[in-house]
Structures are given as structure tokens and as C-alpha cells.
C-alpha atoms as a PDB file:
ATOM      1  CA  MET A   1      83.088  62.151  77.411  1.00  0.00           C
ATOM      2  CA  VAL A   2      83.147  65.895  78.077  1.00  0.00           C
ATOM      3  CA  SER A   3      80.154  66.381  75.776  1.00  0.00           C
ATOM      4  CA  VAL A   4      78.135  63.725  77.621  1.00  0.00           C
ATOM      5  CA  ILE A   5      78.953  65.335  80.974  1.00  0.00           C
ATOM      6  CA  LEU A   6      78.056  68.764  79.574  1.00  0.00           C
ATOM      7  CA  LEU A   7      74.670  67.562  78.270  1.00  0.00           C
ATOM      8  CA  GLY A   8      73.859  66.054  81.649  1.00  0.00           C
ATOM      9  CA  ILE A   9      74.730  69.303  83.426  1.00  0.00           C
ATOM     10  CA  ILE A  10      72.751  71.480  80.996  1.00  0.00           C
ATOM     11  CA  GLY A  11      69.695  69.331  81.713  1.00  0.00           C
ATOM     12  CA  THR A  12      69.856  70.371  85.380  1.00  0.00           C
ATOM     13  CA  PHE A  13      69.828  74.136  84.575  1.00  0.00           C
ATOM     14  CA  SER A  14      72.346  74.512  87.406  1.00  0.00           C
ATOM     15  CA  ARG A  15      74.435  77.673  87.263  1.00  0.00           C
ATOM     16  CA  MET A  16      77.198  76.119  89.339  1.00  0.00           C
ATOM     17  CA  GLY A  17      77.004  73.040  87.158  1.00  0.00           C
ATOM     18  CA  LEU A  18      77.551  75.134  84.046  1.00  0.00           C
ATOM     19  CA  ILE A  19      80.566  76.797  85.673  1.00  0.00           C
ATOM     20  CA  LEU A  20      81.866  73.306  86.437  1.00  0.00           C
ATOM     21  CA  ALA A  21      81.344  72.309  82.804  1.00  0.00           C
ATOM     22  CA  VAL A  22      83.264  75.356  81.553  1.00  0.00           C
ATOM     23  CA  LEU A  23      86.151  74.549  83.897  1.00  0.00           C
ATOM     24  CA  LEU A  24      86.139  70.962  82.697  1.00  0.00           C
ATOM     25  CA  ILE A  25      86.184  71.901  79.012  1.00  0.00           C
ATOM     26  CA  ILE A  26      88.980  74.421  79.596  1.00  0.00           C
ATOM     27  CA  ALA A  27      91.047  71.880  81.541  1.00  0.00           C
ATOM     28  CA  ASN A  28      90.505  69.003  79.117  1.00  0.00           C
ATOM     29  CA  PRO A  29      93.004  70.203  76.424  1.00  0.00           C
ATOM     30  CA  VAL A  30      95.628  70.649  79.122  1.00  0.00           C
ATOM     31  CA  VAL A  31      94.956  67.113  80.345  1.00  0.00           C
ATOM     32  CA  ARG A  32      95.350  65.790  76.822  1.00  0.00           C
ATOM     33  CA  ALA A  33      98.663  67.640  76.550  1.00  0.00           C
ATOM     34  CA  LEU A  34      99.879  66.156  79.823  1.00  0.00           C
ATOM     35  CA  ASN A  35      98.879  62.757  78.521  1.00  0.00           C
ATOM     36  CA  GLY A  36     101.233  63.197  75.584  1.00  0.00           C
ATOM     37  CA  ARG A  37      98.702  63.445  72.779  1.00  0.00           C
ATOM     38  CA  ARG A  38      99.056  67.180  72.065  1.00  0.00           C
ATOM     39  CA  GLY A  39     101.529  69.958  72.782  1.00  0.00           C
ATOM     40  CA  PHE A  40     100.902  72.703  75.308  1.00  0.00           C
ATOM     41  CA  ALA A  41     100.794  75.326  72.558  1.00  0.00           C
ATOM     42  CA  ARG A  42      97.931  73.485  70.883  1.00  0.00           C
ATOM     43  CA  ALA A  43      96.198  73.097  74.250  1.00  0.00           C
ATOM     44  CA  LEU A  44      96.416  76.843  74.917  1.00  0.00           C
ATOM     45  CA  VAL A  45      95.015  77.577  71.453  1.00  0.00           C
ATOM     46  CA  ASP A  46      92.110  75.196  72.099  1.00  0.00           C
ATOM     47  CA  VAL A  47      91.351  76.918  75.405  1.00  0.00           C
ATOM     48  CA  ALA A  48      91.518  80.388  73.810  1.00  0.00           C
ATOM     49  CA  VAL A  49      89.218  79.328  70.968  1.00  0.00           C
ATOM     50  CA  PHE A  50      86.722  77.812  73.409  1.00  0.00           C
ATOM     51  CA  ILE A  51      86.630  80.972  75.549  1.00  0.00           C
ATOM     52  CA  LEU A  52      86.123  83.092  72.428  1.00  0.00           C
ATOM     53  CA  VAL A  53      83.311  80.884  71.110  1.00  0.00           C
ATOM     54  CA  VAL A  54      81.518  80.818  74.475  1.00  0.00           C
ATOM     55  CA  SER A  55      81.861  84.601  74.820  1.00  0.00           C
ATOM     56  CA  VAL A  56      80.427  85.235  71.352  1.00  0.00           C
ATOM     57  CA  MET A  57      77.574  82.772  71.892  1.00  0.00           C
ATOM     58  CA  GLY A  58      76.757  84.289  75.273  1.00  0.00           C
ATOM     59  CA  PHE A  59      76.739  87.812  73.851  1.00  0.00           C
ATOM     60  CA  ALA A  60      74.570  86.765  70.899  1.00  0.00           C
ATOM     61  CA  LEU A  61      72.144  84.972  73.208  1.00  0.00           C
ATOM     62  CA  TYR A  62      71.901  88.024  75.454  1.00  0.00           C
ATOM     63  CA  VAL A  63      71.337  90.448  72.546  1.00  0.00           C
ATOM     64  CA  TRP A  64      68.977  88.458  70.321  1.00  0.00           C
ATOM     65  CA  ALA A  65      67.139  86.294  72.831  1.00  0.00           C
ATOM     66  CA  PRO A  66      63.578  87.184  73.913  1.00  0.00           C
ATOM     67  CA  PRO A  67      63.413  89.916  76.582  1.00  0.00           C
ATOM     68  CA  SER A  68      62.476  87.430  79.291  1.00  0.00           C
ATOM     69  CA  VAL A  69      65.599  85.343  78.584  1.00  0.00           C
ATOM     70  CA  SER A  70      67.855  88.409  78.457  1.00  0.00           C
ATOM     71  CA  GLU A  71      66.401  89.653  81.734  1.00  0.00           C
ATOM     72  CA  TYR A  72      66.946  86.248  83.341  1.00  0.00           C
ATOM     73  CA  LEU A  73      70.571  86.039  82.151  1.00  0.00           C
ATOM     74  CA  GLY A  74      71.267  89.593  83.285  1.00  0.00           C
ATOM     75  CA  ARG A  75      69.821  88.903  86.725  1.00  0.00           C
ATOM     76  CA  ARG A  76      71.794  85.698  87.156  1.00  0.00           C
ATOM     77  CA  PHE A  77      75.066  87.336  86.129  1.00  0.00           C
ATOM     78  CA  ALA A  78      74.310  90.225  88.480  1.00  0.00           C
ATOM     79  CA  GLU A  79      73.919  87.705  91.305  1.00  0.00           C
ATOM     80  CA  VAL A  80      77.316  86.200  90.469  1.00  0.00           C
ATOM     81  CA  TRP A  81      78.853  89.683  90.543  1.00  0.00           C
ATOM     82  CA  ASP A  82      77.252  90.337  93.942  1.00  0.00           C
ATOM     83  CA  GLY A  83      78.703  87.055  95.185  1.00  0.00           C
ATOM     84  CA  LEU A  84      82.183  88.023  93.970  1.00  0.00           C
ATOM     85  CA  THR A  85      81.774  91.383  95.717  1.00  0.00           C
ATOM     86  CA  ILE A  86      81.154  89.573  98.997  1.00  0.00           C
ATOM     87  CA  LEU A  87      84.260  87.436  98.467  1.00  0.00           C
ATOM     88  CA  VAL A  88      86.553  90.432  98.004  1.00  0.00           C
ATOM     89  CA  SER A  89      84.894  92.717 100.561  1.00  0.00           C
ATOM     90  CA  GLY A  90      86.390  93.197 103.987  1.00  0.00           C
ATOM     91  CA  ASN A  91      83.252  92.228 105.905  1.00  0.00           C
ATOM     92  CA  SER A  92      82.554  88.505 106.286  1.00  0.00           C
ATOM     93  CA  ALA A  93      79.450  88.717 108.437  1.00  0.00           C
ATOM     94  CA  SER A  94      76.127  89.781 106.957  1.00  0.00           C
ATOM     95  CA  SER A  95      72.416  89.214 107.326  1.00  0.00           C
ATOM     96  CA  ALA A  96      71.166  86.017 105.737  1.00  0.00           C
ATOM     97  CA  GLU A  97      67.947  87.699 104.636  1.00  0.00           C
ATOM     98  CA  HIS A  98      67.330  88.616 100.997  1.00  0.00           C
ATOM     99  CA  LEU A  99      70.521  86.961  99.751  1.00  0.00           C
ATOM    100  CA  SER A 100      70.687  85.355  96.338  1.00  0.00           C
ATOM    101  CA  SER A 101      72.065  81.853  95.850  1.00  0.00           C
ATOM    102  CA  ALA A 102      75.431  83.180  94.668  1.00  0.00           C
ATOM    103  CA  GLU A 103      75.665  85.642  97.566  1.00  0.00           C
ATOM    104  CA  THR A 104      74.826  82.894 100.054  1.00  0.00           C
ATOM    105  CA  ARG A 105      77.471  80.580  98.627  1.00  0.00           C
ATOM    106  CA  ALA A 106      80.065  83.355  98.678  1.00  0.00           C
ATOM    107  CA  LEU A 107      79.212  84.255 102.264  1.00  0.00           C
ATOM    108  CA  LEU A 108      79.394  80.607 103.350  1.00  0.00           C
ATOM    109  CA  ALA A 109      82.751  80.117 101.600  1.00  0.00           C
ATOM    110  CA  LYS A 110      84.240  83.245 103.137  1.00  0.00           C
ATOM    111  CA  ALA A 111      82.963  82.345 106.601  1.00  0.00           C
ATOM    112  CA  ALA A 112      84.343  78.802 106.283  1.00  0.00           C
ATOM    113  CA  LEU A 113      87.771  80.080 105.216  1.00  0.00           C
ATOM    114  CA  THR A 114      87.892  82.627 108.052  1.00  0.00           C
ATOM    115  CA  LEU A 115      86.891  80.032 110.642  1.00  0.00           C
ATOM    116  CA  ALA A 116      89.306  77.457 109.208  1.00  0.00           C
ATOM    117  CA  LEU A 117      92.196  79.920 109.486  1.00  0.00           C
ATOM    118  CA  GLN A 118      91.198  80.609 113.086  1.00  0.00           C
ATOM    119  CA  ASN A 119      91.244  76.854 113.823  1.00  0.00           C
ATOM    120  CA  TRP A 120      94.012  75.816 111.436  1.00  0.00           C
ATOM    121  CA  THR A 121      95.764  73.407 113.823  1.00  0.00           C
ATOM    122  CA  VAL A 122      93.109  70.726 114.390  1.00  0.00           C
ATOM    123  CA  GLY A 123      89.927  72.250 112.926  1.00  0.00           C
ATOM    124  CA  VAL A 124      86.498  72.287 114.538  1.00  0.00           C
ATOM    125  CA  GLY A 125      85.808  68.557 114.213  1.00  0.00           C
ATOM    126  CA  ALA A 126      83.439  66.465 112.116  1.00  0.00           C
ATOM    127  CA  TYR A 127      79.731  67.387 111.906  1.00  0.00           C
ATOM    128  CA  GLN A 128      80.426  70.795 113.428  1.00  0.00           C
ATOM    129  CA  THR A 129      80.874  72.989 110.373  1.00  0.00           C
ATOM    130  CA  ASP A 130      77.234  73.980 109.920  1.00  0.00           C
ATOM    131  CA  ARG A 131      77.002  74.921 113.602  1.00  0.00           C
ATOM    132  CA  VAL A 132      80.101  77.120 113.680  1.00  0.00           C
ATOM    133  CA  ILE A 133      79.186  78.764 110.373  1.00  0.00           C
ATOM    134  CA  PHE A 134      75.711  79.543 111.716  1.00  0.00           C
ATOM    135  CA  GLU A 135      77.178  81.073 114.866  1.00  0.00           C
ATOM    136  CA  TYR A 136      79.519  83.199 112.774  1.00  0.00           C
ATOM    137  CA  VAL A 137      77.409  84.329 109.843  1.00  0.00           C
ATOM    138  CA  GLY A 138      73.820  83.413 110.699  1.00  0.00           C
ATOM    139  CA  ILE A 139      73.307  80.878 107.884  1.00  0.00           C
ATOM    140  CA  ASP A 140      72.540  77.280 108.843  1.00  0.00           C
ATOM    141  CA  ASN A 141      74.479  75.506 106.096  1.00  0.00           C
ATOM    142  CA  VAL A 142      77.824  74.021 105.148  1.00  0.00           C
ATOM    143  CA  ALA A 143      80.490  75.655 102.985  1.00  0.00           C
ATOM    144  CA  HIS A 144      79.417  74.065  99.663  1.00  0.00           C
ATOM    145  CA  ASN A 145      83.111  73.428  98.986  1.00  0.00           C
ATOM    146  CA  THR A 146      84.702  70.101  99.851  1.00  0.00           C
ATOM    147  CA  TYR A 147      88.187  71.541 100.255  1.00  0.00           C
ATOM    148  CA  LEU A 148      87.074  74.340 102.567  1.00  0.00           C
ATOM    149  CA  GLU A 149      84.976  71.835 104.508  1.00  0.00           C
ATOM    150  CA  LEU A 150      87.931  69.519 105.071  1.00  0.00           C
ATOM    151  CA  PHE A 151      90.129  72.460 106.049  1.00  0.00           C
ATOM    152  CA  LEU A 152      87.484  73.597 108.529  1.00  0.00           C
ATOM    153  CA  ILE A 153      86.901  70.067 109.876  1.00  0.00           C
ATOM    154  CA  GLY A 154      90.523  69.008 110.333  1.00  0.00           C
ATOM    155  CA  GLY A 155      92.673  72.097 109.980  1.00  0.00           C
ATOM    156  CA  ILE A 156      96.071  71.468 108.433  1.00  0.00           C
ATOM    157  CA  TRP A 157      95.436  67.725 108.738  1.00  0.00           C
ATOM    158  CA  GLY A 158      92.362  68.081 106.539  1.00  0.00           C
ATOM    159  CA  ILE A 159      94.479  69.770 103.877  1.00  0.00           C
ATOM    160  CA  LEU A 160      97.101  67.023 104.134  1.00  0.00           C
ATOM    161  CA  SER A 161      94.407  64.384 103.684  1.00  0.00           C
ATOM    162  CA  VAL A 162      93.311  66.047 100.426  1.00  0.00           C
ATOM    163  CA  LEU A 163      96.904  66.261  99.190  1.00  0.00           C
ATOM    164  CA  CYS A 164      97.513  62.592  99.996  1.00  0.00           C
ATOM    165  CA  TYR A 165      94.356  61.613  98.141  1.00  0.00           C
ATOM    166  CA  VAL A 166      95.387  63.668  95.098  1.00  0.00           C
ATOM    167  CA  VAL A 167      98.875  62.115  95.069  1.00  0.00           C
ATOM    168  CA  ILE A 168      97.432  58.591  95.286  1.00  0.00           C
ATOM    169  CA  VAL A 169      94.977  59.223  92.434  1.00  0.00           C
ATOM    170  CA  LEU A 170      97.546  60.880  90.146  1.00  0.00           C
ATOM    171  CA  ARG A 171     100.122  58.200  90.878  1.00  0.00           C
ATOM    172  CA  GLY A 172      97.580  55.586  89.840  1.00  0.00           C
ATOM    173  CA  LEU A 173      96.697  57.428  86.616  1.00  0.00           C
ATOM    174  CA  TRP A 174     100.255  58.347  85.608  1.00  0.00           C
ATOM    175  CA  CYS A 175     101.732  54.906  85.996  1.00  0.00           C
ATOM    176  CA  GLY A 176     104.470  55.313  83.390  1.00  0.00           C
ATOM    177  CA  GLY A 177     105.579  52.325  81.349  1.00  0.00           C
ATOM    178  CA  ASN A 178     103.727  49.862  83.561  1.00  0.00           C
ATOM    179  CA  CYS A 179     100.363  51.402  82.662  1.00  0.00           C
ATOM    180  CA  GLN A 180      97.806  48.784  81.679  1.00  0.00           C
ATOM    181  CA  PHE A 181      95.453  51.081  79.743  1.00  0.00           C
ATOM    182  CA  VAL A 182      96.008  53.066  76.585  1.00  0.00           C
ATOM    183  CA  ALA A 183      96.094  56.853  76.229  1.00  0.00           C
ATOM    184  CA  VAL A 184      92.412  57.147  75.248  1.00  0.00           C
ATOM    185  CA  GLN A 185      91.332  55.243  78.355  1.00  0.00           C
ATOM    186  CA  ARG A 186      93.628  57.348  80.500  1.00  0.00           C
ATOM    187  CA  ASN A 187      92.164  60.536  78.990  1.00  0.00           C
ATOM    188  CA  THR A 188      88.693  59.328  79.916  1.00  0.00           C
ATOM    189  CA  LEU A 189      89.728  58.528  83.483  1.00  0.00           C
ATOM    190  CA  LEU A 190      91.482  61.882  83.853  1.00  0.00           C
ATOM    191  CA  THR A 191      88.416  63.706  82.531  1.00  0.00           C
ATOM    192  CA  LEU A 192      86.154  61.946  85.029  1.00  0.00           C
ATOM    193  CA  THR A 193      88.647  62.626  87.815  1.00  0.00           C
ATOM    194  CA  LEU A 194      88.726  66.313  86.896  1.00  0.00           C
ATOM    195  CA  ALA A 195      84.917  66.437  86.850  1.00  0.00           C
ATOM    196  CA  PHE A 196      84.831  64.985  90.369  1.00  0.00           C
ATOM    197  CA  ALA A 197      87.581  67.349  91.558  1.00  0.00           C
ATOM    198  CA  PHE A 198      85.783  70.419  90.159  1.00  0.00           C
ATOM    199  CA  ALA A 199      82.484  69.237  91.660  1.00  0.00           C
ATOM    200  CA  GLY A 200      84.199  69.448  95.033  1.00  0.00           C
ATOM    201  CA  MET A 201      84.544  73.194  94.495  1.00  0.00           C
ATOM    202  CA  PHE A 202      80.757  73.628  94.487  1.00  0.00           C
ATOM    203  CA  LEU A 203      79.551  70.768  96.705  1.00  0.00           C
ATOM    204  CA  SER A 204      80.410  69.465 100.162  1.00  0.00           C
ATOM    205  CA  LEU A 205      81.323  65.862  99.444  1.00  0.00           C
ATOM    206  CA  THR A 206      82.571  65.063 102.938  1.00  0.00           C
END
């Protein structure tokens, strides 16, 4: 299931999609451990091995790939670094001109979090997030993060709605002895649920 999802994401050439895929593959061994099929020690080993393999493959691709590919990868990673710099910097507001995709996403996320904290009681209301973000940071867009969007829309009540939804989903999947599907089916459902949950980190699914 993870491999099928990964192939679909690779076909989009989406950088955020690839990050989602990495998160999903890292989380999958932990999910299998929680489902009782493997121990946590084995899950941690699987995660460590995956990170090592991806690191080696990425380094080999960067070193031995054609110059155009190496230049592209270097530029894209530089954009991610610039986006992380915006996230940890003290200044939230910036000009929207000449920003890369990663920088724009980072700026939108930081603006959404700042505005959500300023309106944490009841939020700014539905269909208002793009307007308030534009007024604050000069970018006419939403946060590209479902959880930040709900926090900004409804304040603490938006966060509670997410938590309630998570509890309902997990309660349905971990149904104990009354469960009507076997471990393999539950693994598949958990993997799909994780994929949807991680997608919410990069998309506004409100």
C-alpha cells in the first residue's frame, strides 16, 4: 500500500508530496508495531535503515547525476532551507515578490500561526483566512496546512474539532476484541489514514 502511494506521488514530481511520502514510510513501521505485528525495537531499526538508504541514494544521485539534475536538486534543497530560515526567523512579514514555493509556504504558515494565536478564542471565521493573511503578509492565499487553517478559522474550538475527529477515527480503528477486520486490513486502513493526516500538513482540506 505504501509503495502504491509512493509511486503515485513520484509521478506528480511534487516536492511536498515526496516529503509526505517519506513521513508515511517512516511512520508505517511504527503503525505496524502499534498494531501488534512487530516490536518497537524492530520498528525503530526499520526507520533507521530507511533513513540511511534514502540518505545514501540522495547523495549518490547528487554526486553522479548529470549536472543539470544536480543543479536542480541543489536549488530545490536551497529553497527548502530558505523556507526553514523564514520559519525560525523573528520577522513574519515580508515582501511576496521573488519568493520561492517553499519560502511562500513557510511565510503563509508562520503568518497563519501568528494570526491564530492573536485570535485564539473564536478565530477569524470561515472563508476569512486568505483575507486576513493577505492583510498581514501581502500574499493572497491560505495557509496550505489544514490544522493551521482550522486553528485560524475557529481558534481553540477549531483545535478541539480536530482532536475530536482524531479520537473518533482512532477509536474506530482500534476497536479491540470486537474488531471485525484482521490485522492486515487494519494496517491498510491505518496507512491510508496516516496518508490523509500527513496530507493535511501540506494542503488546506477545509
